[in-house]
Amino acid sequence: MSQNGMSPSAPVKMVEYRYIIECKEKTVELEVDDRDVIQNADDEIDCPLDVVLRKNDYSFNDLMTWDAIEIRFVKVMEEGLSIINRIPMNINI
């Protein structure tokens, strides 16, 4: 056993998050930095899209040119993806 009381061979499950942006002609996957994932006032896991776009060298202008259909914030697990939030982009403002 190590000094912290944990077995050195104990597997550590890393939680990974991503934004997946479904567009008319392509799908864009954006890496999410663990430090940007927060628990909001409604006790839900969240991550600001503008921060993720910037850290992946994109902007909201890029997002608009992609003709996005849907934006999904997902948790990546061994079993597959778990959708945390979906934002349909067919909203007329």
N, C-alpha and C. Protein backbone atom coordinates (compact mmCIF):
# COMPACT_ATOMS: atom_id res chain seq x y z
N MET A 1 0.83 -1.18 0.00
CA MET A 1 0.00 0.00 0.00
C MET A 1 0.87 1.24 0.00
N SER A 2 0.37 2.28 -0.63
CA SER A 2 1.12 3.52 -0.67
C SER A 2 0.87 4.31 0.61
N GLN A 3 1.57 5.44 0.77
CA GLN A 3 1.44 6.24 1.98
C GLN A 3 0.05 6.84 2.15
N ASN A 4 -0.68 7.04 1.06
CA ASN A 4 -2.00 7.64 1.20
C ASN A 4 -3.08 6.61 1.50
N GLY A 5 -2.69 5.35 1.70
CA GLY A 5 -3.63 4.31 2.09
C GLY A 5 -4.33 3.64 0.92
N MET A 6 -4.04 4.07 -0.30
CA MET A 6 -4.66 3.46 -1.47
C MET A 6 -3.69 2.47 -2.10
N SER A 7 -4.23 1.44 -2.64
CA SER A 7 -3.41 0.47 -3.33
C SER A 7 -2.85 1.11 -4.60
N PRO A 8 -1.56 0.91 -4.89
CA PRO A 8 -0.98 1.54 -6.08
C PRO A 8 -1.58 1.02 -7.38
N SER A 9 -2.24 -0.13 -7.34
CA SER A 9 -2.80 -0.68 -8.56
C SER A 9 -4.30 -0.38 -8.71
N ALA A 10 -4.85 0.42 -7.79
CA ALA A 10 -6.27 0.75 -7.88
C ALA A 10 -6.53 1.61 -9.11
N PRO A 11 -7.47 1.19 -9.97
CA PRO A 11 -7.74 1.96 -11.18
C PRO A 11 -8.41 3.28 -10.83
N VAL A 12 -7.98 4.33 -11.52
CA VAL A 12 -8.57 5.65 -11.34
C VAL A 12 -9.41 5.94 -12.58
N LYS A 13 -10.70 6.18 -12.36
CA LYS A 13 -11.60 6.48 -13.47
C LYS A 13 -11.54 7.97 -13.76
N MET A 14 -11.08 8.29 -14.94
CA MET A 14 -11.04 9.68 -15.36
C MET A 14 -12.36 10.01 -16.03
N VAL A 15 -12.94 11.14 -15.66
CA VAL A 15 -14.17 11.60 -16.28
C VAL A 15 -13.77 12.63 -17.32
N GLU A 16 -14.29 12.46 -18.51
CA GLU A 16 -13.97 13.36 -19.61
C GLU A 16 -15.26 13.92 -20.18
N TYR A 17 -15.23 15.18 -20.53
CA TYR A 17 -16.40 15.84 -21.10
C TYR A 17 -16.05 16.42 -22.47
N ARG A 18 -17.07 16.56 -23.31
CA ARG A 18 -16.89 17.15 -24.64
C ARG A 18 -18.15 17.90 -25.05
N TYR A 19 -17.97 18.82 -25.95
CA TYR A 19 -19.09 19.40 -26.68
C TYR A 19 -19.08 18.78 -28.06
N ILE A 20 -20.22 18.30 -28.50
CA ILE A 20 -20.37 17.77 -29.86
C ILE A 20 -21.37 18.66 -30.57
N ILE A 21 -20.92 19.25 -31.67
CA ILE A 21 -21.76 20.17 -32.42
C ILE A 21 -22.11 19.51 -33.76
N GLU A 22 -23.39 19.14 -33.89
CA GLU A 22 -23.89 18.54 -35.13
C GLU A 22 -24.25 19.67 -36.08
N CYS A 23 -23.64 19.65 -37.25
CA CYS A 23 -23.88 20.68 -38.25
C CYS A 23 -24.49 20.04 -39.49
N LYS A 24 -24.92 20.88 -40.43
CA LYS A 24 -25.53 20.36 -41.64
C LYS A 24 -24.57 19.49 -42.44
N GLU A 25 -23.29 19.87 -42.47
CA GLU A 25 -22.34 19.15 -43.31
C GLU A 25 -21.19 18.48 -42.56
N LYS A 26 -21.13 18.64 -41.24
CA LYS A 26 -20.04 18.03 -40.47
C LYS A 26 -20.41 17.95 -39.00
N THR A 27 -19.60 17.26 -38.24
CA THR A 27 -19.71 17.19 -36.79
C THR A 27 -18.41 17.71 -36.20
N VAL A 28 -18.52 18.63 -35.26
CA VAL A 28 -17.34 19.21 -34.62
C VAL A 28 -17.33 18.75 -33.16
N GLU A 29 -16.21 18.15 -32.74
CA GLU A 29 -16.04 17.74 -31.34
C GLU A 29 -15.02 18.65 -30.69
N LEU A 30 -15.40 19.21 -29.55
CA LEU A 30 -14.52 20.13 -28.83
C LEU A 30 -14.11 19.54 -27.49
N GLU A 31 -12.82 19.52 -27.24
CA GLU A 31 -12.29 19.04 -25.96
C GLU A 31 -12.68 20.03 -24.87
N VAL A 32 -13.03 19.50 -23.69
CA VAL A 32 -13.39 20.33 -22.55
C VAL A 32 -12.34 20.13 -21.46
N ASP A 33 -11.78 21.22 -20.99
CA ASP A 33 -10.81 21.19 -19.90
C ASP A 33 -11.55 20.91 -18.59
N ASP A 34 -11.08 19.96 -17.81
CA ASP A 34 -11.73 19.59 -16.55
C ASP A 34 -11.96 20.80 -15.63
N ARG A 35 -11.06 21.76 -15.68
CA ARG A 35 -11.17 22.94 -14.81
C ARG A 35 -12.34 23.84 -15.20
N ASP A 36 -12.88 23.66 -16.41
CA ASP A 36 -13.99 24.50 -16.87
C ASP A 36 -15.36 23.89 -16.57
N VAL A 37 -15.38 22.66 -16.08
CA VAL A 37 -16.64 22.00 -15.74
C VAL A 37 -17.03 22.44 -14.33
N ILE A 38 -18.27 22.93 -14.22
CA ILE A 38 -18.75 23.46 -12.94
C ILE A 38 -20.07 22.81 -12.55
N GLN A 39 -20.42 22.96 -11.30
CA GLN A 39 -21.74 22.56 -10.83
C GLN A 39 -22.52 23.86 -10.63
N ASN A 40 -23.57 24.07 -11.43
CA ASN A 40 -24.28 25.35 -11.40
C ASN A 40 -25.25 25.45 -10.22
N ALA A 41 -25.96 26.56 -10.15
CA ALA A 41 -26.86 26.83 -9.03
C ALA A 41 -28.01 25.83 -8.95
N ASP A 42 -28.35 25.20 -10.08
CA ASP A 42 -29.41 24.18 -10.10
C ASP A 42 -28.87 22.80 -9.79
N ASP A 43 -27.60 22.73 -9.34
CA ASP A 43 -26.94 21.48 -8.98
C ASP A 43 -26.74 20.56 -10.19
N GLU A 44 -26.57 21.17 -11.37
CA GLU A 44 -26.32 20.41 -12.60
C GLU A 44 -24.89 20.66 -13.06
N ILE A 45 -24.31 19.66 -13.72
CA ILE A 45 -22.98 19.82 -14.29
C ILE A 45 -23.11 20.68 -15.54
N ASP A 46 -22.22 21.65 -15.67
CA ASP A 46 -22.30 22.60 -16.78
C ASP A 46 -20.89 23.02 -17.18
N CYS A 47 -20.80 23.64 -18.34
CA CYS A 47 -19.54 24.15 -18.84
C CYS A 47 -19.84 25.26 -19.84
N PRO A 48 -19.25 26.44 -19.68
CA PRO A 48 -19.54 27.55 -20.58
C PRO A 48 -19.02 27.28 -22.00
N LEU A 49 -19.92 27.32 -22.97
CA LEU A 49 -19.56 27.04 -24.36
C LEU A 49 -18.57 28.06 -24.90
N ASP A 50 -18.70 29.32 -24.53
CA ASP A 50 -17.78 30.33 -25.06
C ASP A 50 -16.34 30.05 -24.65
N VAL A 51 -16.14 29.57 -23.44
CA VAL A 51 -14.80 29.23 -22.95
C VAL A 51 -14.23 28.06 -23.75
N VAL A 52 -15.06 27.04 -23.98
CA VAL A 52 -14.61 25.85 -24.72
C VAL A 52 -14.29 26.22 -26.17
N LEU A 53 -15.13 27.03 -26.78
CA LEU A 53 -14.84 27.48 -28.15
C LEU A 53 -13.48 28.19 -28.19
N ARG A 54 -13.26 29.14 -27.29
CA ARG A 54 -12.01 29.90 -27.27
C ARG A 54 -10.80 29.00 -27.06
N LYS A 55 -10.89 28.06 -26.12
CA LYS A 55 -9.76 27.17 -25.84
C LYS A 55 -9.46 26.21 -26.98
N ASN A 56 -10.46 26.01 -27.86
CA ASN A 56 -10.26 25.16 -29.04
C ASN A 56 -10.02 26.02 -30.29
N ASP A 57 -9.67 27.29 -30.07
CA ASP A 57 -9.35 28.25 -31.14
C ASP A 57 -10.51 28.52 -32.09
N TYR A 58 -11.73 28.61 -31.54
CA TYR A 58 -12.91 28.97 -32.31
C TYR A 58 -13.62 30.13 -31.62
N SER A 59 -14.63 30.68 -32.30
CA SER A 59 -15.45 31.76 -31.74
C SER A 59 -16.91 31.48 -32.06
N PHE A 60 -17.80 32.35 -31.54
CA PHE A 60 -19.22 32.21 -31.88
C PHE A 60 -19.44 32.45 -33.38
N ASN A 61 -18.60 33.28 -33.99
CA ASN A 61 -18.70 33.48 -35.44
C ASN A 61 -18.47 32.17 -36.19
N ASP A 62 -17.48 31.40 -35.75
CA ASP A 62 -17.22 30.09 -36.35
C ASP A 62 -18.44 29.19 -36.19
N LEU A 63 -19.01 29.19 -34.99
CA LEU A 63 -20.19 28.37 -34.70
C LEU A 63 -21.33 28.71 -35.66
N MET A 64 -21.54 29.98 -35.93
CA MET A 64 -22.61 30.40 -36.84
C MET A 64 -22.35 29.96 -38.28
N THR A 65 -21.08 29.96 -38.70
CA THR A 65 -20.77 29.56 -40.08
C THR A 65 -20.89 28.06 -40.29
N TRP A 66 -20.89 27.28 -39.21
CA TRP A 66 -21.00 25.82 -39.32
C TRP A 66 -22.42 25.36 -39.59
N ASP A 67 -23.41 26.25 -39.49
CA ASP A 67 -24.82 25.87 -39.62
C ASP A 67 -25.18 24.75 -38.64
N ALA A 68 -24.92 25.01 -37.37
CA ALA A 68 -25.16 24.02 -36.32
C ALA A 68 -26.65 23.67 -36.22
N ILE A 69 -26.92 22.39 -36.08
CA ILE A 69 -28.28 21.89 -35.90
C ILE A 69 -28.55 21.63 -34.41
N GLU A 70 -27.53 21.08 -33.73
CA GLU A 70 -27.69 20.75 -32.31
C GLU A 70 -26.32 20.78 -31.63
N ILE A 71 -26.31 21.25 -30.39
CA ILE A 71 -25.10 21.24 -29.57
C ILE A 71 -25.37 20.34 -28.38
N ARG A 72 -24.46 19.38 -28.15
CA ARG A 72 -24.60 18.47 -27.02
C ARG A 72 -23.37 18.58 -26.10
N PHE A 73 -23.63 18.69 -24.81
CA PHE A 73 -22.58 18.62 -23.80
C PHE A 73 -22.65 17.20 -23.26
N VAL A 74 -21.56 16.43 -23.41
CA VAL A 74 -21.60 15.00 -23.08
C VAL A 74 -20.50 14.61 -22.11
N LYS A 75 -20.77 13.53 -21.41
CA LYS A 75 -19.79 12.89 -20.53
C LYS A 75 -19.32 11.64 -21.27
N VAL A 76 -18.01 11.49 -21.41
CA VAL A 76 -17.43 10.35 -22.10
C VAL A 76 -17.12 9.27 -21.08
N MET A 77 -17.71 8.08 -21.29
CA MET A 77 -17.50 6.96 -20.37
C MET A 77 -17.08 5.73 -21.18
N GLU A 78 -16.61 4.72 -20.48
CA GLU A 78 -16.22 3.48 -21.16
C GLU A 78 -17.38 2.88 -21.93
N GLU A 79 -18.59 3.01 -21.38
CA GLU A 79 -19.78 2.43 -22.00
C GLU A 79 -20.27 3.24 -23.18
N GLY A 80 -19.78 4.45 -23.35
CA GLY A 80 -20.21 5.32 -24.43
C GLY A 80 -20.40 6.74 -23.94
N LEU A 81 -21.25 7.49 -24.63
CA LEU A 81 -21.49 8.88 -24.27
C LEU A 81 -22.78 9.01 -23.47
N SER A 82 -22.76 9.89 -22.49
CA SER A 82 -23.95 10.22 -21.73
C SER A 82 -24.24 11.70 -21.96
N ILE A 83 -25.40 12.01 -22.54
CA ILE A 83 -25.74 13.39 -22.84
C ILE A 83 -26.17 14.11 -21.57
N ILE A 84 -25.49 15.19 -21.25
CA ILE A 84 -25.81 16.00 -20.08
C ILE A 84 -26.80 17.09 -20.47
N ASN A 85 -26.57 17.71 -21.64
CA ASN A 85 -27.45 18.79 -22.08
C ASN A 85 -27.49 18.82 -23.60
N ARG A 86 -28.68 19.09 -24.15
CA ARG A 86 -28.87 19.24 -25.60
C ARG A 86 -29.43 20.62 -25.87
N ILE A 87 -28.88 21.27 -26.89
CA ILE A 87 -29.38 22.58 -27.28
C ILE A 87 -29.73 22.52 -28.76
N PRO A 88 -31.03 22.45 -29.10
CA PRO A 88 -31.40 22.47 -30.52
C PRO A 88 -31.19 23.88 -31.08
N MET A 89 -30.66 23.98 -32.28
CA MET A 89 -30.34 25.28 -32.86
C MET A 89 -31.38 25.75 -33.88
N ASN A 90 -32.55 25.14 -33.88
CA ASN A 90 -33.59 25.53 -34.83
C ASN A 90 -34.55 26.55 -34.21
N ILE A 91 -34.04 27.34 -33.32
CA ILE A 91 -34.85 28.33 -32.62
C ILE A 91 -34.78 29.65 -33.37
N ASN A 92 -35.92 30.22 -33.70
CA ASN A 92 -35.96 31.52 -34.37
C ASN A 92 -36.06 32.61 -33.30
N ILE A 93 -35.11 33.52 -33.37
CA ILE A 93 -35.09 34.62 -32.39
C ILE A 93 -35.51 35.91 -33.07
